[in-house]
Amino acid sequence: MVAGGDGTLHAALNGLRGSDTALGVLPLGHGNDLARALGVPLDVHAAAEFMLRAPARPMDLARVGEKAFGCVAGVGFDAETNRRANTWGPWPRGHARYFLAGVATLFRYRPLRVELVTDAGEFSGEVMWVAVANAPCYGGGVRIAPQAALDDGLLDVCVIERISPLALLRLYPRLRRGEHLSACCVRYFRCTRVKFREPAGVALYGDGEFLGRLPLEICIEPAAARVVRQPA
């Protein structure tokens, strides 16, 4: 059993990847998005009871080179927000941490021209950010990929195309609830492999951790880990 947040679980999943040892989670981090995806209660005492009765089941992982992530990786605005939030002390916690870091980033951010290729098609254009998801949530409960599942053998890619800062603020409540897929600035597709060609040198963050710089490729590894999670 591992006590911590998504960054701690990121390290644990990379260590347990490919083994038969099941990972149990006590959510003690800022975002706790993997715990949400697993159905683990965010109250520590309730989570401990959950660990005693819930089954261990397979979980997919997304791989970038030799690193894997469990939740969501992003390029662009969300990655810069993540980087900023990582520089802060222990407070604020939870969703407020990432929301405030996003507001601090918003009016200084410049959109990126991204080129990516997947086994479901290609995309090229100016974006606010691109999120590649194995789980529905990141940033303390933002449902960026509402159709994502931990055991479907697929990556969910959400592209937020270039919009103004004020338009992004208006879109935010829908992003939080996972109701943004019908917005005209959103592209959403599912695939097993994503290759970012451009822009070179831009950072990719996943599970709250720095994963590398573009160009790079992300692929899904079905059933690569075992975790204690809510029954199907």
Protein backbone atom coordinates (compact mmCIF):
# COMPACT_ATOMS: atom_id res chain seq x y z
CA MET A 1 0.00 0.00 0.00
CA VAL A 2 1.25 3.49 -0.89
CA ALA A 3 0.21 6.70 0.89
CA GLY A 4 0.54 9.86 -1.18
CA GLY A 5 -0.68 11.73 -4.24
CA ASP A 6 -0.46 11.19 -7.96
CA GLY A 7 3.29 11.87 -8.07
CA THR A 8 3.97 9.23 -5.42
CA LEU A 9 1.70 6.75 -7.18
CA HIS A 10 3.44 7.57 -10.46
CA ALA A 11 6.72 6.34 -8.94
CA ALA A 12 5.04 3.26 -7.44
CA LEU A 13 3.35 2.30 -10.72
CA ASN A 14 6.64 2.58 -12.58
CA GLY A 15 8.22 0.28 -10.01
CA LEU A 16 5.40 -2.28 -10.09
CA ARG A 17 4.77 -2.14 -13.84
CA GLY A 18 4.63 -5.63 -15.32
CA SER A 19 4.59 -7.39 -11.94
CA ASP A 20 1.82 -9.34 -10.17
CA THR A 21 2.05 -7.16 -7.05
CA ALA A 22 -1.12 -5.11 -6.58
CA LEU A 23 -0.95 -1.43 -5.63
CA GLY A 24 -3.18 -0.12 -2.84
CA VAL A 25 -3.73 3.63 -2.47
CA LEU A 26 -4.19 5.91 0.52
CA PRO A 27 -4.90 9.36 -1.00
CA LEU A 28 -2.77 11.98 0.74
CA GLY A 29 -1.78 14.23 -2.18
CA HIS A 30 -2.87 17.52 -3.70
CA GLY A 31 -4.90 16.17 -6.62
CA ASN A 32 -5.60 12.47 -5.86
CA ASP A 33 -6.91 11.93 -9.38
CA LEU A 34 -5.81 8.30 -9.67
CA ALA A 35 -7.63 7.55 -6.42
CA ARG A 36 -10.77 9.07 -7.96
CA ALA A 37 -10.39 6.92 -11.08
CA LEU A 38 -9.95 3.80 -8.95
CA GLY A 39 -13.06 4.58 -6.89
CA VAL A 40 -11.01 4.99 -3.69
CA PRO A 41 -12.65 7.29 -1.11
CA LEU A 42 -10.67 10.49 -0.55
CA ASP A 43 -11.15 10.24 3.22
CA VAL A 44 -8.13 8.34 4.55
CA HIS A 45 -10.04 6.21 7.06
CA ALA A 46 -12.66 5.26 4.46
CA ALA A 47 -9.86 4.52 1.98
CA ALA A 48 -8.17 2.17 4.46
CA GLU A 49 -11.43 0.25 4.90
CA PHE A 50 -11.85 0.17 1.12
CA MET A 51 -8.39 -1.40 0.76
CA LEU A 52 -9.44 -4.28 3.02
CA ARG A 53 -12.48 -5.29 0.95
CA ALA A 54 -11.90 -4.17 -2.65
CA PRO A 55 -10.41 -6.58 -5.23
CA ALA A 56 -7.16 -6.22 -7.14
CA ARG A 57 -7.82 -5.74 -10.86
CA PRO A 58 -5.73 -4.99 -13.97
CA MET A 59 -5.09 -1.40 -15.03
CA ASP A 60 -3.66 0.02 -18.26
CA LEU A 61 -0.66 2.34 -18.22
CA ALA A 62 0.45 4.90 -20.80
CA ARG A 63 4.15 4.78 -21.71
CA VAL A 64 6.53 7.55 -22.78
CA GLY A 65 9.92 6.02 -23.54
CA GLU A 66 10.85 4.09 -20.40
CA LYS A 67 8.42 6.03 -18.19
CA ALA A 68 4.76 5.25 -17.60
CA PHE A 69 1.88 7.31 -16.25
CA GLY A 70 -1.50 6.33 -14.88
CA CYS A 71 -3.72 9.39 -15.28
CA VAL A 72 -3.19 12.20 -17.80
CA ALA A 73 -0.22 13.80 -19.58
CA GLY A 74 -0.38 17.27 -21.08
CA VAL A 75 1.49 19.63 -23.40
CA GLY A 76 0.94 23.39 -23.32
CA PHE A 77 -1.14 25.41 -20.86
CA ASP A 78 -1.87 22.52 -18.50
CA ALA A 79 1.79 21.48 -18.42
CA GLU A 80 2.85 25.05 -17.58
CA THR A 81 0.15 25.17 -14.88
CA ASN A 82 1.50 21.89 -13.50
CA ARG A 83 5.06 23.20 -13.49
CA ARG A 84 3.96 26.34 -11.63
CA ALA A 85 1.93 24.39 -9.05
CA ASN A 86 4.96 22.16 -8.35
CA THR A 87 6.98 25.20 -7.27
CA TRP A 88 4.53 26.12 -4.50
CA GLY A 89 4.66 24.96 -0.90
CA PRO A 90 2.15 22.59 0.72
CA TRP A 91 -0.75 25.04 0.43
CA PRO A 92 -3.24 25.41 -1.17
CA ARG A 93 -4.24 21.79 -1.61
CA GLY A 94 -6.60 19.94 -3.90
CA HIS A 95 -8.31 21.48 -6.86
CA ALA A 96 -7.76 25.05 -5.58
CA ARG A 97 -4.00 24.60 -6.05
CA TYR A 98 -4.30 23.85 -9.76
CA PHE A 99 -7.05 26.39 -10.38
CA LEU A 100 -5.00 29.21 -8.86
CA ALA A 101 -1.87 28.07 -10.71
CA GLY A 102 -3.92 28.10 -13.92
CA VAL A 103 -5.16 31.63 -13.31
CA ALA A 104 -1.58 32.75 -12.62
CA THR A 105 -0.50 31.18 -15.94
CA LEU A 106 -3.45 32.22 -18.10
CA PHE A 107 -2.70 35.80 -19.12
CA ARG A 108 1.01 35.17 -19.78
CA TYR A 109 0.51 32.02 -21.81
CA ARG A 110 1.08 31.91 -25.57
CA PRO A 111 -0.63 29.15 -27.63
CA LEU A 112 1.49 26.49 -29.32
CA ARG A 113 1.43 25.14 -32.87
CA VAL A 114 1.23 21.38 -32.38
CA GLU A 115 1.65 18.55 -34.85
CA LEU A 116 0.60 15.09 -33.74
CA VAL A 117 -0.09 11.76 -35.42
CA THR A 118 -2.21 8.95 -34.00
CA ASP A 119 -3.58 5.66 -35.27
CA ALA A 120 -6.96 7.46 -35.44
CA GLY A 121 -5.75 10.42 -37.53
CA GLU A 122 -3.57 13.53 -37.49
CA PHE A 123 -3.89 17.04 -36.07
CA SER A 124 -1.97 20.24 -36.80
CA GLY A 125 -2.84 23.67 -35.47
CA GLU A 126 -2.56 26.24 -32.71
CA VAL A 127 -3.72 24.97 -29.35
CA MET A 128 -4.03 25.99 -25.74
CA TRP A 129 -3.06 22.47 -24.79
CA VAL A 130 -3.29 18.78 -25.64
CA ALA A 131 -4.12 16.20 -22.96
CA VAL A 132 -3.48 12.47 -23.46
CA ALA A 133 -5.49 10.52 -20.91
CA ASN A 134 -5.60 7.03 -19.46
CA ALA A 135 -8.02 8.19 -16.71
CA PRO A 136 -10.81 10.77 -16.75
CA CYS A 137 -9.44 13.41 -14.34
CA TYR A 138 -6.44 15.54 -13.53
CA GLY A 139 -5.77 18.80 -11.72
CA GLY A 140 -7.76 17.76 -8.65
CA GLY A 141 -10.92 16.55 -10.37
CA VAL A 142 -11.06 18.29 -13.77
CA ARG A 143 -12.78 15.77 -16.06
CA ILE A 144 -10.67 16.47 -19.14
CA ALA A 145 -11.34 13.01 -20.65
CA PRO A 146 -14.82 11.98 -19.50
CA GLN A 147 -14.90 8.89 -21.72
CA ALA A 148 -11.56 7.50 -20.51
CA ALA A 149 -11.36 4.20 -18.63
CA LEU A 150 -8.43 2.51 -16.91
CA ASP A 151 -8.96 -0.85 -18.59
CA ASP A 152 -10.19 -0.19 -22.15
CA GLY A 153 -6.81 -0.43 -23.92
CA LEU A 154 -7.16 3.11 -25.30
CA LEU A 155 -5.78 6.61 -24.89
CA ASP A 156 -8.23 9.53 -24.93
CA VAL A 157 -6.82 12.66 -26.59
CA CYS A 158 -8.41 16.04 -25.85
CA VAL A 159 -7.22 19.04 -27.88
CA ILE A 160 -8.23 22.53 -26.72
CA GLU A 161 -7.67 24.74 -29.76
CA ARG A 162 -6.55 28.36 -29.54
CA ILE A 163 -9.09 30.61 -27.77
CA SER A 164 -8.82 33.83 -25.79
CA PRO A 165 -8.09 33.79 -22.04
CA LEU A 166 -11.64 34.99 -21.33
CA ALA A 167 -13.11 32.27 -23.53
CA LEU A 168 -11.06 29.68 -21.65
CA LEU A 169 -12.36 31.01 -18.33
CA ARG A 170 -15.91 30.66 -19.66
CA LEU A 171 -15.15 27.10 -20.83
CA TYR A 172 -13.63 26.10 -17.50
CA PRO A 173 -16.85 25.10 -15.65
CA ARG A 174 -17.66 22.72 -18.50
CA LEU A 175 -14.12 21.28 -18.37
CA ARG A 176 -14.51 20.74 -14.63
CA ARG A 177 -17.74 18.77 -15.13
CA GLY A 178 -16.61 16.92 -18.26
CA GLU A 179 -19.25 18.65 -20.40
CA HIS A 180 -16.87 20.34 -22.85
CA LEU A 181 -16.74 17.82 -25.71
CA SER A 182 -19.37 19.65 -27.75
CA ALA A 183 -17.52 23.00 -27.59
CA CYS A 184 -16.33 24.24 -31.00
CA CYS A 185 -12.73 24.61 -29.74
CA VAL A 186 -12.46 20.98 -28.55
CA ARG A 187 -11.22 17.98 -30.56
CA TYR A 188 -11.56 14.58 -28.88
CA PHE A 189 -10.53 11.18 -30.19
CA ARG A 190 -9.42 7.76 -28.97
CA CYS A 191 -6.39 5.80 -30.09
CA THR A 192 -3.60 3.49 -28.90
CA ARG A 193 -0.61 5.64 -29.91
CA VAL A 194 0.13 9.38 -30.09
CA LYS A 195 3.27 10.86 -31.65
CA PHE A 196 4.02 14.54 -31.01
CA ARG A 197 6.19 15.94 -33.81
CA GLU A 198 6.10 19.64 -32.87
CA PRO A 199 6.92 21.92 -31.15
CA ALA A 200 10.38 20.62 -30.33
CA GLY A 201 11.62 21.20 -26.79
CA VAL A 202 8.21 21.75 -25.18
CA ALA A 203 7.69 19.90 -21.89
CA LEU A 204 5.27 17.02 -21.29
CA TYR A 205 3.95 16.55 -17.75
CA GLY A 206 2.02 13.48 -16.56
CA ASP A 207 0.72 12.51 -13.12
CA GLY A 208 2.09 15.88 -11.98
CA GLU A 209 5.64 14.91 -13.02
CA PHE A 210 7.96 16.02 -15.81
CA LEU A 211 8.11 13.22 -18.40
CA GLY A 212 10.25 14.66 -21.19
CA ARG A 213 10.36 17.12 -24.08
CA LEU A 214 8.89 16.89 -27.55
CA PRO A 215 9.20 15.22 -30.00
CA LEU A 216 8.07 12.01 -28.30
CA GLU A 217 5.54 9.21 -28.51
CA ILE A 218 2.93 7.93 -26.05
CA CYS A 219 1.46 4.44 -26.32
CA ILE A 220 -0.94 2.38 -24.23
CA GLU A 221 0.17 -0.74 -22.34
CA PRO A 222 -2.99 -2.77 -21.59
CA ALA A 223 -3.19 -4.42 -18.16
CA ALA A 224 0.37 -3.35 -17.32
CA ALA A 225 -0.31 -3.03 -13.57
CA ARG A 226 -2.58 -4.43 -10.88
CA VAL A 227 -4.36 -2.09 -8.48
CA VAL A 228 -6.89 -2.34 -5.68
CA ARG A 229 -9.94 -0.68 -7.19
CA GLN A 230 -13.69 -0.48 -7.19
CA PRO A 231 -15.37 -3.65 -8.46
CA ALA A 232 -16.70 -3.49 -12.02
